[in-house]
Amino acid sequence: MDNGKWTHDRLVAVCHLNGEDIGRLIVAAGLARDCPRFSGGRYTGADTAARRALPFPRHCKRKE
């Protein structure tokens, strides 16, 4: 099923397993960062632990 968006020749979508947003779980576990430029800030609330442990890529900052 293709219901996501294409960006830079890659499919971008939100994935769920048993009703849980997998991206939110990964960000909350500190294994990834929310990239608000592409997520629209979807995982900002889950990003607290990851923010302290991982660097924030420049390409993730929102364009003004």
PDB file of N, CA and C in Angstrom:
ATOM      1  N   MET A   1       0.858  -1.172   0.000  1.00  0.00           N
ATOM      2  CA  MET A   1       0.000   0.000   0.000  1.00  0.00           C
ATOM      3  C   MET A   1       0.900   1.229   0.000  1.00  0.00           C
ATOM      4  N   ASP A   2       0.640   2.154  -0.876  1.00  0.00           N
ATOM      5  CA  ASP A   2       1.438   3.377  -0.997  1.00  0.00           C
ATOM      6  C   ASP A   2       0.549   4.566  -0.667  1.00  0.00           C
ATOM      7  N   ASN A   3       0.601   5.040   0.579  1.00  0.00           N
ATOM      8  CA  ASN A   3      -0.184   6.216   0.946  1.00  0.00           C
ATOM      9  C   ASN A   3       0.696   7.301   1.556  1.00  0.00           C
ATOM     10  N   GLY A   4       2.011   7.174   1.359  1.00  0.00           N
ATOM     11  CA  GLY A   4       2.941   8.173   1.877  1.00  0.00           C
ATOM     12  C   GLY A   4       3.285   9.203   0.819  1.00  0.00           C
ATOM     13  N   LYS A   5       4.269  10.031   1.117  1.00  0.00           N
ATOM     14  CA  LYS A   5       4.733  11.065   0.200  1.00  0.00           C
ATOM     15  C   LYS A   5       6.107  10.672  -0.310  1.00  0.00           C
ATOM     16  N   TRP A   6       6.433  11.137  -1.495  1.00  0.00           N
ATOM     17  CA  TRP A   6       7.762  10.916  -2.054  1.00  0.00           C
ATOM     18  C   TRP A   6       8.590  12.174  -1.870  1.00  0.00           C
ATOM     19  N   THR A   7       9.809  12.028  -1.374  1.00  0.00           N
ATOM     20  CA  THR A   7      10.734  13.137  -1.236  1.00  0.00           C
ATOM     21  C   THR A   7      12.132  12.622  -1.526  1.00  0.00           C
ATOM     22  N   HIS A   8      12.864  13.327  -2.355  1.00  0.00           N
ATOM     23  CA  HIS A   8      14.220  12.911  -2.732  1.00  0.00           C
ATOM     24  C   HIS A   8      14.228  11.461  -3.213  1.00  0.00           C
ATOM     25  N   ASP A   9      13.210  11.084  -4.000  1.00  0.00           N
ATOM     26  CA  ASP A   9      13.077   9.724  -4.537  1.00  0.00           C
ATOM     27  C   ASP A   9      12.943   8.652  -3.458  1.00  0.00           C
ATOM     28  N   ARG A  10      12.459   9.043  -2.277  1.00  0.00           N
ATOM     29  CA  ARG A  10      12.214   8.084  -1.195  1.00  0.00           C
ATOM     30  C   ARG A  10      10.785   8.239  -0.712  1.00  0.00           C
ATOM     31  N   LEU A  11      10.167   7.127  -0.369  1.00  0.00           N
ATOM     32  CA  LEU A  11       8.830   7.149   0.199  1.00  0.00           C
ATOM     33  C   LEU A  11       8.921   7.499   1.678  1.00  0.00           C
ATOM     34  N   VAL A  12       8.131   8.472   2.101  1.00  0.00           N
ATOM     35  CA  VAL A  12       8.090   8.882   3.501  1.00  0.00           C
ATOM     36  C   VAL A  12       6.672   8.625   4.008  1.00  0.00           C
ATOM     37  N   ALA A  13       6.563   7.872   5.087  1.00  0.00           N
ATOM     38  CA  ALA A  13       5.245   7.523   5.612  1.00  0.00           C
ATOM     39  C   ALA A  13       5.333   7.316   7.121  1.00  0.00           C
ATOM     40  N   VAL A  14       4.186   7.288   7.770  1.00  0.00           N
ATOM     41  CA  VAL A  14       4.094   6.963   9.193  1.00  0.00           C
ATOM     42  C   VAL A  14       3.701   5.492   9.275  1.00  0.00           C
ATOM     43  N   CYS A  15       4.462   4.718  10.028  1.00  0.00           N
ATOM     44  CA  CYS A  15       4.210   3.277  10.151  1.00  0.00           C
ATOM     45  C   CYS A  15       3.696   2.957  11.547  1.00  0.00           C
ATOM     46  N   HIS A  16       2.701   2.089  11.603  1.00  0.00           N
ATOM     47  CA  HIS A  16       2.117   1.673  12.878  1.00  0.00           C
ATOM     48  C   HIS A  16       2.209   0.158  13.022  1.00  0.00           C
ATOM     49  N   LEU A  17       2.349  -0.289  14.254  1.00  0.00           N
ATOM     50  CA  LEU A  17       2.309  -1.707  14.582  1.00  0.00           C
ATOM     51  C   LEU A  17       1.457  -1.846  15.831  1.00  0.00           C
ATOM     52  N   ASN A  18       0.385  -2.596  15.724  1.00  0.00           N
ATOM     53  CA  ASN A  18      -0.547  -2.769  16.847  1.00  0.00           C
ATOM     54  C   ASN A  18      -1.010  -1.427  17.401  1.00  0.00           C
ATOM     55  N   GLY A  19      -1.248  -0.462  16.514  1.00  0.00           N
ATOM     56  CA  GLY A  19      -1.751   0.846  16.914  1.00  0.00           C
ATOM     57  C   GLY A  19      -0.698   1.814  17.424  1.00  0.00           C
ATOM     58  N   GLU A  20       0.552   1.394  17.515  1.00  0.00           N
ATOM     59  CA  GLU A  20       1.642   2.255  18.000  1.00  0.00           C
ATOM     60  C   GLU A  20       2.402   2.842  16.817  1.00  0.00           C
ATOM     61  N   ASP A  21       2.703   4.120  16.885  1.00  0.00           N
ATOM     62  CA  ASP A  21       3.514   4.789  15.868  1.00  0.00           C
ATOM     63  C   ASP A  21       4.968   4.361  16.080  1.00  0.00           C
ATOM     64  N   ILE A  22       5.511   3.606  15.149  1.00  0.00           N
ATOM     65  CA  ILE A  22       6.868   3.068  15.288  1.00  0.00           C
ATOM     66  C   ILE A  22       7.901   4.188  15.369  1.00  0.00           C
ATOM     67  N   GLY A  23       7.728   5.239  14.592  1.00  0.00           N
ATOM     68  CA  GLY A  23       8.655   6.371  14.634  1.00  0.00           C
ATOM     69  C   GLY A  23       8.705   7.006  16.013  1.00  0.00           C
ATOM     70  N   ARG A  24       7.541   7.183  16.639  1.00  0.00           N
ATOM     71  CA  ARG A  24       7.490   7.771  17.988  1.00  0.00           C
ATOM     72  C   ARG A  24       8.223   6.874  18.985  1.00  0.00           C
ATOM     73  N   LEU A  25       8.045   5.575  18.868  1.00  0.00           N
ATOM     74  CA  LEU A  25       8.728   4.645  19.776  1.00  0.00           C
ATOM     75  C   LEU A  25      10.243   4.724  19.609  1.00  0.00           C
ATOM     76  N   ILE A  26      10.709   4.816  18.380  1.00  0.00           N
ATOM     77  CA  ILE A  26      12.149   4.887  18.112  1.00  0.00           C
ATOM     78  C   ILE A  26      12.727   6.195  18.648  1.00  0.00           C
ATOM     79  N   VAL A  27      12.016   7.302  18.440  1.00  0.00           N
ATOM     80  CA  VAL A  27      12.478   8.599  18.941  1.00  0.00           C
ATOM     81  C   VAL A  27      12.465   8.612  20.470  1.00  0.00           C
ATOM     82  N   ALA A  28      11.398   8.103  21.072  1.00  0.00           N
ATOM     83  CA  ALA A  28      11.289   8.090  22.536  1.00  0.00           C
ATOM     84  C   ALA A  28      12.369   7.221  23.178  1.00  0.00           C
ATOM     85  N   ALA A  29      12.810   6.189  22.465  1.00  0.00           N
ATOM     86  CA  ALA A  29      13.862   5.305  22.989  1.00  0.00           C
ATOM     87  C   ALA A  29      15.250   5.928  22.862  1.00  0.00           C
ATOM     88  N   GLY A  30      15.339   7.080  22.201  1.00  0.00           N
ATOM     89  CA  GLY A  30      16.628   7.746  22.041  1.00  0.00           C
ATOM     90  C   GLY A  30      17.450   7.205  20.892  1.00  0.00           C
ATOM     91  N   LEU A  31      16.823   6.448  19.994  1.00  0.00           N
ATOM     92  CA  LEU A  31      17.527   5.851  18.863  1.00  0.00           C
ATOM     93  C   LEU A  31      17.474   6.721  17.617  1.00  0.00           C
ATOM     94  N   ALA A  32      16.674   7.775  17.657  1.00  0.00           N
ATOM     95  CA  ALA A  32      16.532   8.677  16.513  1.00  0.00           C
ATOM     96  C   ALA A  32      16.097  10.040  17.021  1.00  0.00           C
ATOM     97  N   ARG A  33      16.179  11.038  16.158  1.00  0.00           N
ATOM     98  CA  ARG A  33      15.732  12.396  16.469  1.00  0.00           C
ATOM     99  C   ARG A  33      14.508  12.720  15.635  1.00  0.00           C
ATOM    100  N   ASP A  34      13.652  13.577  16.161  1.00  0.00           N
ATOM    101  CA  ASP A  34      12.576  14.135  15.350  1.00  0.00           C
ATOM    102  C   ASP A  34      13.214  15.127  14.396  1.00  0.00           C
ATOM    103  N   CYS A  35      12.882  15.039  13.144  1.00  0.00           N
ATOM    104  CA  CYS A  35      13.387  15.965  12.125  1.00  0.00           C
ATOM    105  C   CYS A  35      12.201  16.844  11.712  1.00  0.00           C
ATOM    106  N   PRO A  36      11.952  17.954  12.449  1.00  0.00           N
ATOM    107  CA  PRO A  36      10.735  18.732  12.242  1.00  0.00           C
ATOM    108  C   PRO A  36      10.566  19.282  10.836  1.00  0.00           C
ATOM    109  N   ARG A  37      11.648  19.485  10.136  1.00  0.00           N
ATOM    110  CA  ARG A  37      11.542  19.980   8.760  1.00  0.00           C
ATOM    111  C   ARG A  37      10.724  19.012   7.913  1.00  0.00           C
ATOM    112  N   PHE A  38      10.843  17.722   8.190  1.00  0.00           N
ATOM    113  CA  PHE A  38      10.131  16.715   7.408  1.00  0.00           C
ATOM    114  C   PHE A  38       8.933  16.127   8.141  1.00  0.00           C
ATOM    115  N   SER A  39       8.965  16.103   9.469  1.00  0.00           N
ATOM    116  CA  SER A  39       7.865  15.497  10.227  1.00  0.00           C
ATOM    117  C   SER A  39       6.788  16.503  10.601  1.00  0.00           C
ATOM    118  N   GLY A  40       7.096  17.790  10.445  1.00  0.00           N
ATOM    119  CA  GLY A  40       6.165  18.810  10.904  1.00  0.00           C
ATOM    120  C   GLY A  40       6.113  18.876  12.427  1.00  0.00           C
ATOM    121  N   GLY A  41       7.114  18.303  13.092  1.00  0.00           N
ATOM    122  CA  GLY A  41       7.163  18.304  14.555  1.00  0.00           C
ATOM    123  C   GLY A  41       6.374  17.180  15.189  1.00  0.00           C
ATOM    124  N   ARG A  42       6.013  16.195  14.409  1.00  0.00           N
ATOM    125  CA  ARG A  42       5.178  15.085  14.872  1.00  0.00           C
ATOM    126  C   ARG A  42       5.706  14.429  16.152  1.00  0.00           C
ATOM    127  N   TYR A  43       7.034  14.337  16.308  1.00  0.00           N
ATOM    128  CA  TYR A  43       7.621  13.621  17.439  1.00  0.00           C
ATOM    129  C   TYR A  43       8.318  14.541  18.438  1.00  0.00           C
ATOM    130  N   THR A  44       8.032  15.825  18.396  1.00  0.00           N
ATOM    131  CA  THR A  44       8.701  16.784  19.272  1.00  0.00           C
ATOM    132  C   THR A  44       8.577  16.393  20.744  1.00  0.00           C
ATOM    133  N   GLY A  45       7.440  15.983  21.188  1.00  0.00           N
ATOM    134  CA  GLY A  45       7.244  15.607  22.584  1.00  0.00           C
ATOM    135  C   GLY A  45       8.000  14.358  22.992  1.00  0.00           C
ATOM    136  N   ALA A  46       8.282  13.487  22.038  1.00  0.00           N
ATOM    137  CA  ALA A  46       8.992  12.236  22.329  1.00  0.00           C
ATOM    138  C   ALA A  46      10.498  12.412  22.242  1.00  0.00           C
ATOM    139  N   ASP A  47      10.957  13.560  21.774  1.00  0.00           N
ATOM    140  CA  ASP A  47      12.362  13.778  21.424  1.00  0.00           C
ATOM    141  C   ASP A  47      13.254  14.131  22.605  1.00  0.00           C
ATOM    142  N   THR A  48      12.746  14.224  23.811  1.00  0.00           N
ATOM    143  CA  THR A  48      13.525  14.715  24.943  1.00  0.00           C
ATOM    144  C   THR A  48      14.783  13.898  25.220  1.00  0.00           C
ATOM    145  N   ALA A  49      14.664  12.599  25.379  1.00  0.00           N
ATOM    146  CA  ALA A  49      15.838  11.762  25.679  1.00  0.00           C
ATOM    147  C   ALA A  49      16.814  11.755  24.507  1.00  0.00           C
ATOM    148  N   ALA A  50      16.310  11.656  23.313  1.00  0.00           N
ATOM    149  CA  ALA A  50      17.171  11.613  22.129  1.00  0.00           C
ATOM    150  C   ALA A  50      17.912  12.929  21.949  1.00  0.00           C
ATOM    151  N   ARG A  51      17.270  14.016  22.297  1.00  0.00           N
ATOM    152  CA  ARG A  51      17.885  15.340  22.122  1.00  0.00           C
ATOM    153  C   ARG A  51      19.188  15.442  22.914  1.00  0.00           C
ATOM    154  N   ARG A  52      19.237  14.838  24.068  1.00  0.00           N
ATOM    155  CA  ARG A  52      20.450  14.901  24.898  1.00  0.00           C
ATOM    156  C   ARG A  52      21.544  13.973  24.383  1.00  0.00           C
ATOM    157  N   ALA A  53      21.187  12.900  23.711  1.00  0.00           N
ATOM    158  CA  ALA A  53      22.163  11.878  23.335  1.00  0.00           C
ATOM    159  C   ALA A  53      22.675  11.987  21.900  1.00  0.00           C
ATOM    160  N   LEU A  54      21.887  12.504  20.986  1.00  0.00           N
ATOM    161  CA  LEU A  54      22.261  12.515  19.570  1.00  0.00           C
ATOM    162  C   LEU A  54      22.393  13.936  19.044  1.00  0.00           C
ATOM    163  N   PRO A  55      23.326  14.169  18.123  1.00  0.00           N
ATOM    164  CA  PRO A  55      23.438  15.498  17.514  1.00  0.00           C
ATOM    165  C   PRO A  55      22.225  15.775  16.629  1.00  0.00           C
ATOM    166  N   PHE A  56      21.933  17.048  16.446  1.00  0.00           N
ATOM    167  CA  PHE A  56      20.798  17.445  15.614  1.00  0.00           C
ATOM    168  C   PHE A  56      21.309  17.831  14.230  1.00  0.00           C
ATOM    169  N   PRO A  57      20.975  17.066  13.201  1.00  0.00           N
ATOM    170  CA  PRO A  57      21.463  17.357  11.852  1.00  0.00           C
ATOM    171  C   PRO A  57      20.961  18.707  11.336  1.00  0.00           C
ATOM    172  N   ARG A  58      21.829  19.437  10.671  1.00  0.00           N
ATOM    173  CA  ARG A  58      21.445  20.750  10.123  1.00  0.00           C
ATOM    174  C   ARG A  58      20.287  20.639   9.146  1.00  0.00           C
ATOM    175  N   HIS A  59      20.242  19.562   8.368  1.00  0.00           N
ATOM    176  CA  HIS A  59      19.183  19.441   7.360  1.00  0.00           C
ATOM    177  C   HIS A  59      17.803  19.233   7.981  1.00  0.00           C
ATOM    178  N   CYS A  60      17.736  18.980   9.282  1.00  0.00           N
ATOM    179  CA  CYS A  60      16.449  18.778   9.944  1.00  0.00           C
ATOM    180  C   CYS A  60      15.817  20.073  10.437  1.00  0.00           C
ATOM    181  N   LYS A  61      16.596  21.129  10.512  1.00  0.00           N
ATOM    182  CA  LYS A  61      16.045  22.398  10.986  1.00  0.00           C
ATOM    183  C   LYS A  61      15.038  22.923   9.976  1.00  0.00           C
ATOM    184  N   ARG A  62      13.965  23.490  10.504  1.00  0.00           N
ATOM    185  CA  ARG A  62      12.931  24.040   9.619  1.00  0.00           C
ATOM    186  C   ARG A  62      13.486  25.216   8.840  1.00  0.00           C
ATOM    187  N   LYS A  63      13.097  25.288   7.585  1.00  0.00           N
ATOM    188  CA  LYS A  63      13.486  26.445   6.779  1.00  0.00           C
ATOM    189  C   LYS A  63      12.565  27.589   7.134  1.00  0.00           C
ATOM    190  N   GLU A  64      13.137  28.730   7.362  1.00  0.00           N
ATOM    191  CA  GLU A  64      12.349  29.917   7.734  1.00  0.00           C
ATOM    192  C   GLU A  64      11.744  30.548   6.507  1.00  0.00           C
TER     193      GLU A  64
END
